Amino acid sequence: MDTEAQPTERDRSSHPGTPGAEGRSRFAFPARIADRLPGGRVTLTLFACLAFLLLLNAFVVQPFQIPSGSMERGLRIGDRVLVNKLAYRFGAQPRRGDVVVFDGTGYFGHGDYVKRVVGVGGDHVVCCDKEGRMKVNGRAVDESAFLFPGDSPSSVPFDVVVPEGHLFLLGDHRADSSDSRDHLGSPGGGMIPVGDVIGRADWIVWPYAHWTHLTRPSTYAHVPAALPAGAHG
């Protein structure tokens, strides 16, 4: 008499429709790669982590080391900052008071620089008034919270209007900073295109004793919007 064949445990586990088969097939390809690599799964895991870090560094956040004292007292030589590369994507723009990292090639020199945004497109930036303060769109800016102790807002007078799509940038240690003031007569007039900004410096992460979140100074919140062309105060 014919009898119905009963599936064995192996038959049930390997059947395409049974639970677990999909999971095994999903991991079969990485497993084959791991088998061909020296070190197997450990090496594959390390490669995956490296790829993730490279993508993170390229598109999301990137560490930068501060090479000079131009941003003291807030950023000291050797500090490492995390730069948010998404801060000015999706329509957002740099704002006055932001600390940004940008590509200064062709404007400041070769390489990347870190400075504070003082003026954005359309702003009228003047230094200094009778009290020795910098003025943006006719409003005096109190820089005492971040300016290096003993520094004046600028030892070099200037009176500029920032072109649309550009930034006027200064270091916090004005006596030790080569910034927009020093390139007013250069191509671009010392202004940096917004498109050359790499990102906003949001955190000091090293050394641990300097760990802090970099925030926008409240003094810039009182600066009015840029005046219409030809109506500078």
C-alpha atoms as a PDB file:
ATOM      1  CA  MET A   1       0.000   0.000   0.000  1.00  0.00           C
ATOM      2  CA  ASP A   2       1.231   3.359  -0.902  1.00  0.00           C
ATOM      3  CA  THR A   3       1.950   5.658   1.988  1.00  0.00           C
ATOM      4  CA  GLU A   4       2.350   9.446   1.910  1.00  0.00           C
ATOM      5  CA  ALA A   5       5.908  10.524   2.387  1.00  0.00           C
ATOM      6  CA  GLN A   6       6.307  12.531   5.561  1.00  0.00           C
ATOM      7  CA  PRO A   7       8.736  15.507   5.294  1.00  0.00           C
ATOM      8  CA  THR A   8      11.767  15.155   7.494  1.00  0.00           C
ATOM      9  CA  GLU A   9      13.060  18.010   9.669  1.00  0.00           C
ATOM     10  CA  ARG A  10      15.573  18.814   6.943  1.00  0.00           C
ATOM     11  CA  ASP A  11      12.833  18.901   4.303  1.00  0.00           C
ATOM     12  CA  ARG A  12      10.733  21.328   6.349  1.00  0.00           C
ATOM     13  CA  SER A  13      13.586  23.685   7.168  1.00  0.00           C
ATOM     14  CA  SER A  14      14.795  23.903   3.582  1.00  0.00           C
ATOM     15  CA  HIS A  15      11.392  24.384   1.979  1.00  0.00           C
ATOM     16  CA  PRO A  16      11.235  27.855   0.334  1.00  0.00           C
ATOM     17  CA  GLY A  17       8.042  28.728   2.108  1.00  0.00           C
ATOM     18  CA  THR A  18       9.065  27.731   5.599  1.00  0.00           C
ATOM     19  CA  PRO A  19      10.213  30.229   8.265  1.00  0.00           C
ATOM     20  CA  GLY A  20      13.944  30.695   8.366  1.00  0.00           C
ATOM     21  CA  ALA A  21      14.639  29.996   4.709  1.00  0.00           C
ATOM     22  CA  GLU A  22      14.358  33.674   3.770  1.00  0.00           C
ATOM     23  CA  GLY A  23      16.684  34.663   6.601  1.00  0.00           C
ATOM     24  CA  ARG A  24      19.324  32.185   5.498  1.00  0.00           C
ATOM     25  CA  SER A  25      19.178  33.335   1.882  1.00  0.00           C
ATOM     26  CA  ARG A  26      19.377  36.960   2.974  1.00  0.00           C
ATOM     27  CA  PHE A  27      22.674  36.379   4.742  1.00  0.00           C
ATOM     28  CA  ALA A  28      24.092  33.901   2.271  1.00  0.00           C
ATOM     29  CA  PHE A  29      25.847  36.503   0.114  1.00  0.00           C
ATOM     30  CA  PRO A  30      27.652  38.299   3.016  1.00  0.00           C
ATOM     31  CA  ALA A  31      28.595  34.879   4.376  1.00  0.00           C
ATOM     32  CA  ARG A  32      30.159  33.904   1.038  1.00  0.00           C
ATOM     33  CA  ILE A  33      32.142  37.164   1.008  1.00  0.00           C
ATOM     34  CA  ALA A  34      33.275  36.585   4.588  1.00  0.00           C
ATOM     35  CA  ASP A  35      34.484  33.089   3.678  1.00  0.00           C
ATOM     36  CA  ARG A  36      36.801  34.568   1.036  1.00  0.00           C
ATOM     37  CA  LEU A  37      38.332  37.250   3.269  1.00  0.00           C
ATOM     38  CA  PRO A  38      41.279  36.727   5.613  1.00  0.00           C
ATOM     39  CA  GLY A  39      39.784  36.910   9.067  1.00  0.00           C
ATOM     40  CA  GLY A  40      36.298  36.031   7.841  1.00  0.00           C
ATOM     41  CA  ARG A  41      33.370  37.783   9.537  1.00  0.00           C
ATOM     42  CA  VAL A  42      35.606  40.004  11.651  1.00  0.00           C
ATOM     43  CA  THR A  43      37.263  41.499   8.562  1.00  0.00           C
ATOM     44  CA  LEU A  44      33.903  41.932   6.833  1.00  0.00           C
ATOM     45  CA  THR A  45      32.503  43.742   9.890  1.00  0.00           C
ATOM     46  CA  LEU A  46      35.504  46.063   9.968  1.00  0.00           C
ATOM     47  CA  PHE A  47      35.070  46.889   6.269  1.00  0.00           C
ATOM     48  CA  ALA A  48      31.372  47.601   6.814  1.00  0.00           C
ATOM     49  CA  CYS A  49      32.159  49.929   9.723  1.00  0.00           C
ATOM     50  CA  LEU A  50      34.809  51.710   7.661  1.00  0.00           C
ATOM     51  CA  ALA A  51      32.377  52.199   4.771  1.00  0.00           C
ATOM     52  CA  PHE A  52      29.781  53.603   7.170  1.00  0.00           C
ATOM     53  CA  LEU A  53      32.301  56.045   8.657  1.00  0.00           C
ATOM     54  CA  LEU A  54      33.417  57.194   5.202  1.00  0.00           C
ATOM     55  CA  LEU A  55      29.820  57.887   4.184  1.00  0.00           C
ATOM     56  CA  LEU A  56      29.193  59.684   7.466  1.00  0.00           C
ATOM     57  CA  ASN A  57      32.321  61.782   6.977  1.00  0.00           C
ATOM     58  CA  ALA A  58      31.461  62.627   3.362  1.00  0.00           C
ATOM     59  CA  PHE A  59      27.832  63.601   3.782  1.00  0.00           C
ATOM     60  CA  VAL A  60      26.814  64.151   7.410  1.00  0.00           C
ATOM     61  CA  VAL A  61      29.471  65.164   9.915  1.00  0.00           C
ATOM     62  CA  GLN A  62      33.229  65.653   9.634  1.00  0.00           C
ATOM     63  CA  PRO A  63      35.903  66.302  12.274  1.00  0.00           C
ATOM     64  CA  PHE A  64      38.326  69.206  11.784  1.00  0.00           C
ATOM     65  CA  GLN A  65      41.380  70.155  13.796  1.00  0.00           C
ATOM     66  CA  ILE A  66      41.905  73.824  14.657  1.00  0.00           C
ATOM     67  CA  PRO A  67      45.366  74.744  13.292  1.00  0.00           C
ATOM     68  CA  SER A  68      45.793  78.308  14.588  1.00  0.00           C
ATOM     69  CA  GLY A  69      44.723  80.742  17.284  1.00  0.00           C
ATOM     70  CA  SER A  70      42.542  82.853  15.000  1.00  0.00           C
ATOM     71  CA  MET A  71      39.340  81.696  16.722  1.00  0.00           C
ATOM     72  CA  GLU A  72      40.489  81.971  20.328  1.00  0.00           C
ATOM     73  CA  ARG A  73      39.156  82.229  22.922  1.00  0.00           C
ATOM     74  CA  GLY A  74      36.447  79.770  21.928  1.00  0.00           C
ATOM     75  CA  LEU A  75      38.510  77.473  19.682  1.00  0.00           C
ATOM     76  CA  ARG A  76      42.076  76.765  20.688  1.00  0.00           C
ATOM     77  CA  ILE A  77      44.967  75.305  18.722  1.00  0.00           C
ATOM     78  CA  GLY A  78      44.591  71.534  18.561  1.00  0.00           C
ATOM     79  CA  ASP A  79      40.876  71.485  19.370  1.00  0.00           C
ATOM     80  CA  ARG A  80      38.853  69.118  17.227  1.00  0.00           C
ATOM     81  CA  VAL A  81      35.415  70.224  16.145  1.00  0.00           C
ATOM     82  CA  LEU A  82      32.575  68.304  14.551  1.00  0.00           C
ATOM     83  CA  VAL A  83      31.255  70.065  11.472  1.00  0.00           C
ATOM     84  CA  ASN A  84      27.623  69.541  10.575  1.00  0.00           C
ATOM     85  CA  LYS A  85      27.615  69.144   6.781  1.00  0.00           C
ATOM     86  CA  LEU A  86      23.821  69.040   6.606  1.00  0.00           C
ATOM     87  CA  ALA A  87      23.315  72.373   8.388  1.00  0.00           C
ATOM     88  CA  TYR A  88      23.029  74.353   5.141  1.00  0.00           C
ATOM     89  CA  ARG A  89      21.444  71.747   2.942  1.00  0.00           C
ATOM     90  CA  PHE A  90      17.776  71.507   2.070  1.00  0.00           C
ATOM     91  CA  GLY A  91      17.374  75.274   1.754  1.00  0.00           C
ATOM     92  CA  ALA A  92      18.957  76.468   5.029  1.00  0.00           C
ATOM     93  CA  GLN A  93      21.502  79.311   4.891  1.00  0.00           C
ATOM     94  CA  PRO A  94      24.376  80.412   7.160  1.00  0.00           C
ATOM     95  CA  ARG A  95      23.307  82.947   9.773  1.00  0.00           C
ATOM     96  CA  ARG A  96      25.166  85.757  11.489  1.00  0.00           C
ATOM     97  CA  GLY A  97      27.130  84.394  14.416  1.00  0.00           C
ATOM     98  CA  ASP A  98      27.566  80.862  13.037  1.00  0.00           C
ATOM     99  CA  VAL A  99      31.057  79.394  13.162  1.00  0.00           C
ATOM    100  CA  VAL A 100      31.656  77.795   9.765  1.00  0.00           C
ATOM    101  CA  VAL A 101      34.335  75.797   7.984  1.00  0.00           C
ATOM    102  CA  PHE A 102      34.811  76.703   4.334  1.00  0.00           C
ATOM    103  CA  ASP A 103      37.105  76.145   1.370  1.00  0.00           C
ATOM    104  CA  GLY A 104      39.136  79.336   1.039  1.00  0.00           C
ATOM    105  CA  THR A 105      40.902  78.355  -2.187  1.00  0.00           C
ATOM    106  CA  GLY A 106      41.078  81.364  -4.470  1.00  0.00           C
ATOM    107  CA  TYR A 107      39.870  83.734  -1.750  1.00  0.00           C
ATOM    108  CA  PHE A 108      41.883  83.307   1.464  1.00  0.00           C
ATOM    109  CA  GLY A 109      44.509  80.895   0.174  1.00  0.00           C
ATOM    110  CA  HIS A 110      44.653  77.134  -0.240  1.00  0.00           C
ATOM    111  CA  GLY A 111      42.853  74.878   2.213  1.00  0.00           C
ATOM    112  CA  ASP A 112      39.957  74.982   4.638  1.00  0.00           C
ATOM    113  CA  TYR A 113      39.370  77.738   7.185  1.00  0.00           C
ATOM    114  CA  VAL A 114      37.184  78.270  10.234  1.00  0.00           C
ATOM    115  CA  LYS A 115      35.688  81.725  10.936  1.00  0.00           C
ATOM    116  CA  ARG A 116      32.569  83.372  12.312  1.00  0.00           C
ATOM    117  CA  VAL A 117      29.861  84.707  10.010  1.00  0.00           C
ATOM    118  CA  VAL A 118      29.524  88.457  10.629  1.00  0.00           C
ATOM    119  CA  GLY A 119      27.579  89.486   7.530  1.00  0.00           C
ATOM    120  CA  VAL A 120      25.325  87.650   5.096  1.00  0.00           C
ATOM    121  CA  GLY A 121      24.100  88.676   1.644  1.00  0.00           C
ATOM    122  CA  GLY A 122      22.877  92.286   1.554  1.00  0.00           C
ATOM    123  CA  ASP A 123      24.318  93.240   4.964  1.00  0.00           C
ATOM    124  CA  HIS A 124      26.103  96.545   5.490  1.00  0.00           C
ATOM    125  CA  VAL A 125      29.037  95.923   7.859  1.00  0.00           C
ATOM    126  CA  VAL A 126      31.036  98.853   9.276  1.00  0.00           C
ATOM    127  CA  CYS A 127      33.862  99.142  11.757  1.00  0.00           C
ATOM    128  CA  CYS A 128      34.214 100.947  13.842  1.00  0.00           C
ATOM    129  CA  ASP A 129      31.691 103.428  15.275  1.00  0.00           C
ATOM    130  CA  LYS A 130      32.565 106.188  17.777  1.00  0.00           C
ATOM    131  CA  GLU A 131      32.462 103.674  20.625  1.00  0.00           C
ATOM    132  CA  GLY A 132      34.780 101.301  18.774  1.00  0.00           C
ATOM    133  CA  ARG A 133      32.029  98.783  17.973  1.00  0.00           C
ATOM    134  CA  MET A 134      31.206  96.974  14.767  1.00  0.00           C
ATOM    135  CA  LYS A 135      27.822  97.762  13.232  1.00  0.00           C
ATOM    136  CA  VAL A 136      25.698  95.526  11.030  1.00  0.00           C
ATOM    137  CA  ASN A 137      22.800  97.166   9.212  1.00  0.00           C
ATOM    138  CA  GLY A 138      23.076 100.151  11.507  1.00  0.00           C
ATOM    139  CA  ARG A 139      22.950  98.120  14.756  1.00  0.00           C
ATOM    140  CA  ALA A 140      26.007  97.972  17.029  1.00  0.00           C
ATOM    141  CA  VAL A 141      27.070  94.411  17.844  1.00  0.00           C
ATOM    142  CA  ASP A 142      28.335  93.566  21.329  1.00  0.00           C
ATOM    143  CA  GLU A 143      31.074  90.983  20.702  1.00  0.00           C
ATOM    144  CA  SER A 144      32.370  90.782  24.275  1.00  0.00           C
ATOM    145  CA  ALA A 145      31.002  87.256  24.759  1.00  0.00           C
ATOM    146  CA  PHE A 146      33.335  85.728  22.168  1.00  0.00           C
ATOM    147  CA  LEU A 147      35.974  88.317  21.182  1.00  0.00           C
ATOM    148  CA  PHE A 148      39.473  87.493  22.413  1.00  0.00           C
ATOM    149  CA  PRO A 149      40.228  89.474  25.608  1.00  0.00           C
ATOM    150  CA  GLY A 150      42.067  92.698  24.824  1.00  0.00           C
ATOM    151  CA  ASP A 151      41.191  92.665  21.122  1.00  0.00           C
ATOM    152  CA  SER A 152      39.253  95.480  19.483  1.00  0.00           C
ATOM    153  CA  PRO A 153      36.603  94.583  16.882  1.00  0.00           C
ATOM    154  CA  SER A 154      39.123  95.615  14.226  1.00  0.00           C
ATOM    155  CA  SER A 155      42.337  97.586  13.997  1.00  0.00           C
ATOM    156  CA  VAL A 156      41.574  98.070  10.301  1.00  0.00           C
ATOM    157  CA  PRO A 157      38.541 100.216   9.400  1.00  0.00           C
ATOM    158  CA  PHE A 158      36.144  98.845   6.809  1.00  0.00           C
ATOM    159  CA  ASP A 159      32.782  99.673   5.309  1.00  0.00           C
ATOM    160  CA  VAL A 160      31.388  96.901   3.117  1.00  0.00           C
ATOM    161  CA  VAL A 161      28.159  95.638   1.628  1.00  0.00           C
ATOM    162  CA  VAL A 162      28.055  91.855   1.362  1.00  0.00           C
ATOM    163  CA  PRO A 163      26.967  90.622  -2.092  1.00  0.00           C
ATOM    164  CA  GLU A 164      24.021  88.250  -2.261  1.00  0.00           C
ATOM    165  CA  GLY A 165      25.056  84.622  -1.912  1.00  0.00           C
ATOM    166  CA  HIS A 166      28.250  85.568  -0.042  1.00  0.00           C
ATOM    167  CA  LEU A 167      29.510  85.862   3.530  1.00  0.00           C
ATOM    168  CA  PHE A 168      31.725  88.321   5.422  1.00  0.00           C
ATOM    169  CA  LEU A 169      33.803  86.294   7.892  1.00  0.00           C
ATOM    170  CA  LEU A 170      36.021  87.265  10.821  1.00  0.00           C
ATOM    171  CA  GLY A 171      38.086  85.366  13.372  1.00  0.00           C
ATOM    172  CA  ASP A 172      37.291  85.858  17.062  1.00  0.00           C
ATOM    173  CA  HIS A 173      40.956  86.646  17.776  1.00  0.00           C
ATOM    174  CA  ARG A 174      40.977  89.706  15.552  1.00  0.00           C
ATOM    175  CA  ALA A 175      44.627  90.549  16.262  1.00  0.00           C
ATOM    176  CA  ASP A 176      45.678  87.070  15.089  1.00  0.00           C
ATOM    177  CA  SER A 177      43.252  86.368  12.256  1.00  0.00           C
ATOM    178  CA  SER A 178      43.602  86.662   8.498  1.00  0.00           C
ATOM    179  CA  ASP A 179      39.995  87.008   7.387  1.00  0.00           C
ATOM    180  CA  SER A 180      37.680  89.018   5.141  1.00  0.00           C
ATOM    181  CA  ARG A 181      39.283  92.309   6.275  1.00  0.00           C
ATOM    182  CA  ASP A 182      42.640  91.284   4.833  1.00  0.00           C
ATOM    183  CA  HIS A 183      41.245  90.415   1.409  1.00  0.00           C
ATOM    184  CA  LEU A 184      39.009  93.368   0.643  1.00  0.00           C
ATOM    185  CA  GLY A 185      41.204  94.248  -2.339  1.00  0.00           C
ATOM    186  CA  SER A 186      41.514  90.655  -3.551  1.00  0.00           C
ATOM    187  CA  PRO A 187      39.289  88.874  -6.075  1.00  0.00           C
ATOM    188  CA  GLY A 188      35.893  88.520  -4.459  1.00  0.00           C
ATOM    189  CA  GLY A 189      36.572  91.377  -2.062  1.00  0.00           C
ATOM    190  CA  GLY A 190      37.178  89.056   0.871  1.00  0.00           C
ATOM    191  CA  MET A 191      33.674  87.611   0.601  1.00  0.00           C
ATOM    192  CA  ILE A 192      33.191  83.840   0.518  1.00  0.00           C
ATOM    193  CA  PRO A 193      30.462  82.238  -1.628  1.00  0.00           C
ATOM    194  CA  VAL A 194      27.930  80.319   0.428  1.00  0.00           C
ATOM    195  CA  GLY A 195      28.518  77.368  -1.882  1.00  0.00           C
ATOM    196  CA  ASP A 196      32.086  77.041  -0.578  1.00  0.00           C
ATOM    197  CA  VAL A 197      30.931  76.511   3.006  1.00  0.00           C
ATOM    198  CA  ILE A 198      31.594  72.932   4.081  1.00  0.00           C
ATOM    199  CA  GLY A 199      29.414  73.095   7.176  1.00  0.00           C
ATOM    200  CA  ARG A 200      28.742  74.588  10.585  1.00  0.00           C
ATOM    201  CA  ALA A 201      31.006  73.805  13.542  1.00  0.00           C
ATOM    202  CA  ASP A 202      28.598  72.546  16.191  1.00  0.00           C
ATOM    203  CA  TRP A 203      30.720  70.776  18.806  1.00  0.00           C
ATOM    204  CA  ILE A 204      34.202  70.801  20.283  1.00  0.00           C
ATOM    205  CA  VAL A 205      34.817  67.098  20.927  1.00  0.00           C
ATOM    206  CA  TRP A 206      38.524  66.962  21.818  1.00  0.00           C
ATOM    207  CA  PRO A 207      40.252  67.368  24.167  1.00  0.00           C
ATOM    208  CA  TYR A 208      37.601  66.166  26.553  1.00  0.00           C
ATOM    209  CA  ALA A 209      38.129  69.131  28.886  1.00  0.00           C
ATOM    210  CA  HIS A 210      37.051  71.490  26.056  1.00  0.00           C
ATOM    211  CA  TRP A 211      33.933  69.493  25.133  1.00  0.00           C
ATOM    212  CA  THR A 212      31.128  71.956  24.461  1.00  0.00           C
ATOM    213  CA  HIS A 213      28.286  72.802  22.114  1.00  0.00           C
ATOM    214  CA  LEU A 214      28.963  75.858  19.950  1.00  0.00           C
ATOM    215  CA  THR A 215      25.926  78.123  19.924  1.00  0.00           C
ATOM    216  CA  ARG A 216      25.045  81.270  18.018  1.00  0.00           C
ATOM    217  CA  PRO A 217      25.635  84.425  20.133  1.00  0.00           C
ATOM    218  CA  SER A 218      22.398  86.144  21.081  1.00  0.00           C
ATOM    219  CA  THR A 219      23.793  89.563  20.115  1.00  0.00           C
ATOM    220  CA  TYR A 220      23.136  88.804  16.431  1.00  0.00           C
ATOM    221  CA  ALA A 221      19.451  88.207  17.092  1.00  0.00           C
ATOM    222  CA  HIS A 222      19.027  91.979  17.445  1.00  0.00           C
ATOM    223  CA  VAL A 223      20.558  92.810  14.064  1.00  0.00           C
ATOM    224  CA  PRO A 224      17.838  93.985  11.656  1.00  0.00           C
ATOM    225  CA  ALA A 225      17.388  92.618   8.176  1.00  0.00           C
ATOM    226  CA  ALA A 226      19.526  94.071   5.425  1.00  0.00           C
ATOM    227  CA  LEU A 227      18.393  97.478   4.210  1.00  0.00           C
ATOM    228  CA  PRO A 228      17.422  98.000   0.571  1.00  0.00           C
ATOM    229  CA  ALA A 229      20.282  98.821  -1.771  1.00  0.00           C
ATOM    230  CA  GLY A 230      21.254 102.457  -1.507  1.00  0.00           C
ATOM    231  CA  ALA A 231      19.590 102.956   1.872  1.00  0.00           C
ATOM    232  CA  HIS A 232      22.479 102.062   4.168  1.00  0.00           C
ATOM    233  CA  GLY A 233      22.460 103.734   7.555  1.00  0.00           C
END
